[in-house]
């Protein structure tokens, strides 16, 4: 696998597989989270036909 990691200290942004990160942490490609993902604020998603996000919530 060939990937790149770009860190732009001037604007405090990190990009994986992109040389122009658009957010604080920008991943261009697939992301696998094995344990836990915490989202604060507004959770949004975008994608093309055939892609999906499955949201599972656990309340304790």
N, C-alpha and C. Protein backbone atom coordinates (compact mmCIF):
# COMPACT_ATOMS: atom_id res chain seq x y z
N UNK A 1 0.84 -1.16 0.00
CA UNK A 1 0.00 0.00 0.00
C UNK A 1 0.89 1.23 0.00
N UNK A 2 0.57 2.16 -0.84
CA UNK A 2 1.26 3.44 -0.88
C UNK A 2 0.28 4.50 -0.43
N UNK A 3 0.64 5.25 0.59
CA UNK A 3 -0.22 6.30 1.11
C UNK A 3 0.66 7.48 1.49
N UNK A 4 0.04 8.61 1.67
CA UNK A 4 0.80 9.78 2.08
C UNK A 4 0.17 10.39 3.32
N UNK A 5 1.00 11.02 4.11
CA UNK A 5 0.55 11.73 5.30
C UNK A 5 1.06 13.16 5.18
N UNK A 6 0.14 14.09 5.15
CA UNK A 6 0.48 15.51 5.04
C UNK A 6 0.08 16.20 6.34
N UNK A 7 0.99 16.96 6.93
CA UNK A 7 0.69 17.74 8.13
C UNK A 7 0.99 19.19 7.80
N UNK A 8 -0.05 20.02 7.84
CA UNK A 8 0.11 21.45 7.57
C UNK A 8 0.00 22.19 8.90
N UNK A 9 1.14 22.49 9.48
CA UNK A 9 1.17 23.12 10.80
C UNK A 9 0.58 24.52 10.76
N UNK A 10 0.73 25.22 9.66
CA UNK A 10 0.25 26.60 9.56
C UNK A 10 -1.26 26.70 9.74
N UNK A 11 -1.99 25.70 9.24
CA UNK A 11 -3.46 25.74 9.37
C UNK A 11 -3.99 24.60 10.23
N UNK A 12 -3.09 23.87 10.89
CA UNK A 12 -3.45 22.79 11.83
C UNK A 12 -4.36 21.76 11.19
N UNK A 13 -3.94 21.23 10.03
CA UNK A 13 -4.72 20.20 9.35
C UNK A 13 -3.83 19.02 9.00
N UNK A 14 -4.41 17.81 9.09
CA UNK A 14 -3.70 16.57 8.77
C UNK A 14 -4.46 15.88 7.66
N UNK A 15 -3.74 15.43 6.63
CA UNK A 15 -4.37 14.70 5.54
C UNK A 15 -3.71 13.36 5.32
N UNK A 16 -4.52 12.32 5.19
CA UNK A 16 -4.02 11.00 4.84
C UNK A 16 -4.49 10.70 3.43
N UNK A 17 -3.55 10.47 2.55
CA UNK A 17 -3.80 10.20 1.13
C UNK A 17 -4.39 11.41 0.41
N UNK A 18 -4.13 12.60 0.91
CA UNK A 18 -4.51 13.84 0.24
C UNK A 18 -3.47 14.90 0.58
N UNK A 19 -3.11 15.69 -0.39
CA UNK A 19 -2.14 16.76 -0.14
C UNK A 19 -2.83 18.08 0.18
N UNK A 20 -4.17 18.09 0.13
CA UNK A 20 -4.93 19.31 0.42
C UNK A 20 -6.06 19.00 1.39
N UNK A 21 -5.75 18.78 2.67
CA UNK A 21 -6.81 18.48 3.63
C UNK A 21 -7.81 19.63 3.74
N UNK A 22 -9.09 19.28 3.79
CA UNK A 22 -10.16 20.27 3.85
C UNK A 22 -10.69 20.48 5.27
N UNK A 23 -10.36 19.60 6.17
CA UNK A 23 -10.79 19.69 7.57
C UNK A 23 -9.59 19.42 8.46
N UNK A 24 -9.78 19.49 9.77
CA UNK A 24 -8.69 19.26 10.71
C UNK A 24 -8.05 17.89 10.49
N UNK A 25 -8.88 16.87 10.23
CA UNK A 25 -8.39 15.52 9.94
C UNK A 25 -9.14 15.02 8.71
N UNK A 26 -8.43 14.83 7.60
CA UNK A 26 -9.04 14.49 6.32
C UNK A 26 -8.44 13.17 5.83
N UNK A 27 -9.29 12.16 5.67
CA UNK A 27 -8.86 10.86 5.15
C UNK A 27 -9.47 10.68 3.77
N UNK A 28 -8.63 10.47 2.76
CA UNK A 28 -9.10 10.18 1.41
C UNK A 28 -8.95 8.68 1.20
N UNK A 29 -10.01 7.94 1.39
CA UNK A 29 -9.98 6.49 1.30
C UNK A 29 -10.89 5.88 2.34
N UNK A 30 -10.71 4.63 2.60
CA UNK A 30 -11.55 3.92 3.56
C UNK A 30 -11.04 4.13 4.97
N UNK A 31 -11.97 4.06 5.90
CA UNK A 31 -11.63 4.19 7.31
C UNK A 31 -12.26 3.03 8.05
N UNK A 32 -11.49 2.34 8.84
CA UNK A 32 -12.02 1.25 9.66
C UNK A 32 -11.80 1.60 11.11
N UNK A 33 -12.87 1.59 11.87
CA UNK A 33 -12.81 1.82 13.30
C UNK A 33 -13.18 0.52 13.97
N UNK A 34 -12.26 -0.05 14.73
CA UNK A 34 -12.48 -1.37 15.32
C UNK A 34 -13.20 -1.31 16.66
N UNK A 35 -12.96 -0.27 17.43
CA UNK A 35 -13.52 -0.26 18.77
C UNK A 35 -14.61 0.79 18.92
N UNK A 36 -14.26 2.04 18.93
CA UNK A 36 -15.23 3.07 19.28
C UNK A 36 -14.99 4.33 18.46
N UNK A 37 -16.06 4.97 18.03
CA UNK A 37 -15.99 6.24 17.32
C UNK A 37 -16.91 7.21 18.04
N UNK A 38 -16.36 8.31 18.49
CA UNK A 38 -17.15 9.33 19.19
C UNK A 38 -17.26 10.55 18.29
N UNK A 39 -18.48 11.00 18.07
CA UNK A 39 -18.74 12.16 17.23
C UNK A 39 -19.41 13.22 18.08
N UNK A 40 -18.81 14.40 18.12
CA UNK A 40 -19.43 15.50 18.83
C UNK A 40 -19.96 16.51 17.82
N UNK A 41 -20.98 17.24 18.19
CA UNK A 41 -21.56 18.21 17.26
C UNK A 41 -22.53 17.54 16.32
N UNK A 42 -22.53 17.94 15.08
CA UNK A 42 -23.45 17.41 14.08
C UNK A 42 -22.78 16.32 13.27
N UNK A 43 -23.39 15.15 13.20
CA UNK A 43 -22.88 14.05 12.38
C UNK A 43 -23.55 14.12 11.02
N UNK A 44 -22.77 14.22 9.96
CA UNK A 44 -23.31 14.28 8.61
C UNK A 44 -22.60 13.26 7.75
N UNK A 45 -23.22 12.90 6.64
CA UNK A 45 -22.58 11.97 5.72
C UNK A 45 -22.93 12.34 4.29
N UNK A 46 -22.02 12.06 3.39
CA UNK A 46 -22.24 12.24 1.96
C UNK A 46 -21.66 11.04 1.26
N UNK A 47 -22.21 10.70 0.13
CA UNK A 47 -21.66 9.57 -0.61
C UNK A 47 -22.41 9.38 -1.91
N UNK A 48 -21.88 8.50 -2.72
CA UNK A 48 -22.52 8.20 -4.00
C UNK A 48 -23.43 6.99 -3.83
N UNK A 49 -24.18 6.68 -4.86
CA UNK A 49 -25.08 5.54 -4.82
C UNK A 49 -24.32 4.27 -4.46
N UNK A 50 -24.89 3.48 -3.58
CA UNK A 50 -24.25 2.23 -3.19
C UNK A 50 -23.41 2.34 -1.94
N UNK A 51 -23.21 3.55 -1.44
CA UNK A 51 -22.48 3.70 -0.19
C UNK A 51 -23.47 3.94 0.93
N UNK A 52 -23.10 3.58 2.13
CA UNK A 52 -24.00 3.77 3.26
C UNK A 52 -23.20 3.92 4.54
N UNK A 53 -23.87 4.46 5.52
CA UNK A 53 -23.33 4.51 6.87
C UNK A 53 -24.36 3.86 7.78
N UNK A 54 -23.95 2.91 8.55
CA UNK A 54 -24.83 2.25 9.50
C UNK A 54 -24.54 2.82 10.87
N UNK A 55 -25.53 3.44 11.47
CA UNK A 55 -25.36 4.03 12.79
C UNK A 55 -25.92 3.07 13.83
N UNK A 56 -25.13 2.73 14.82
CA UNK A 56 -25.57 1.88 15.93
C UNK A 56 -25.37 2.67 17.21
N UNK A 57 -26.42 2.77 17.99
CA UNK A 57 -26.34 3.53 19.22
C UNK A 57 -26.54 2.61 20.41
N UNK A 58 -25.76 2.80 21.45
CA UNK A 58 -25.88 2.03 22.68
C UNK A 58 -26.10 3.02 23.82
N UNK A 59 -27.23 2.91 24.47
CA UNK A 59 -27.54 3.80 25.59
C UNK A 59 -27.41 3.03 26.89
N UNK A 60 -26.69 3.59 27.83
CA UNK A 60 -26.54 2.93 29.13
C UNK A 60 -26.92 3.87 30.24
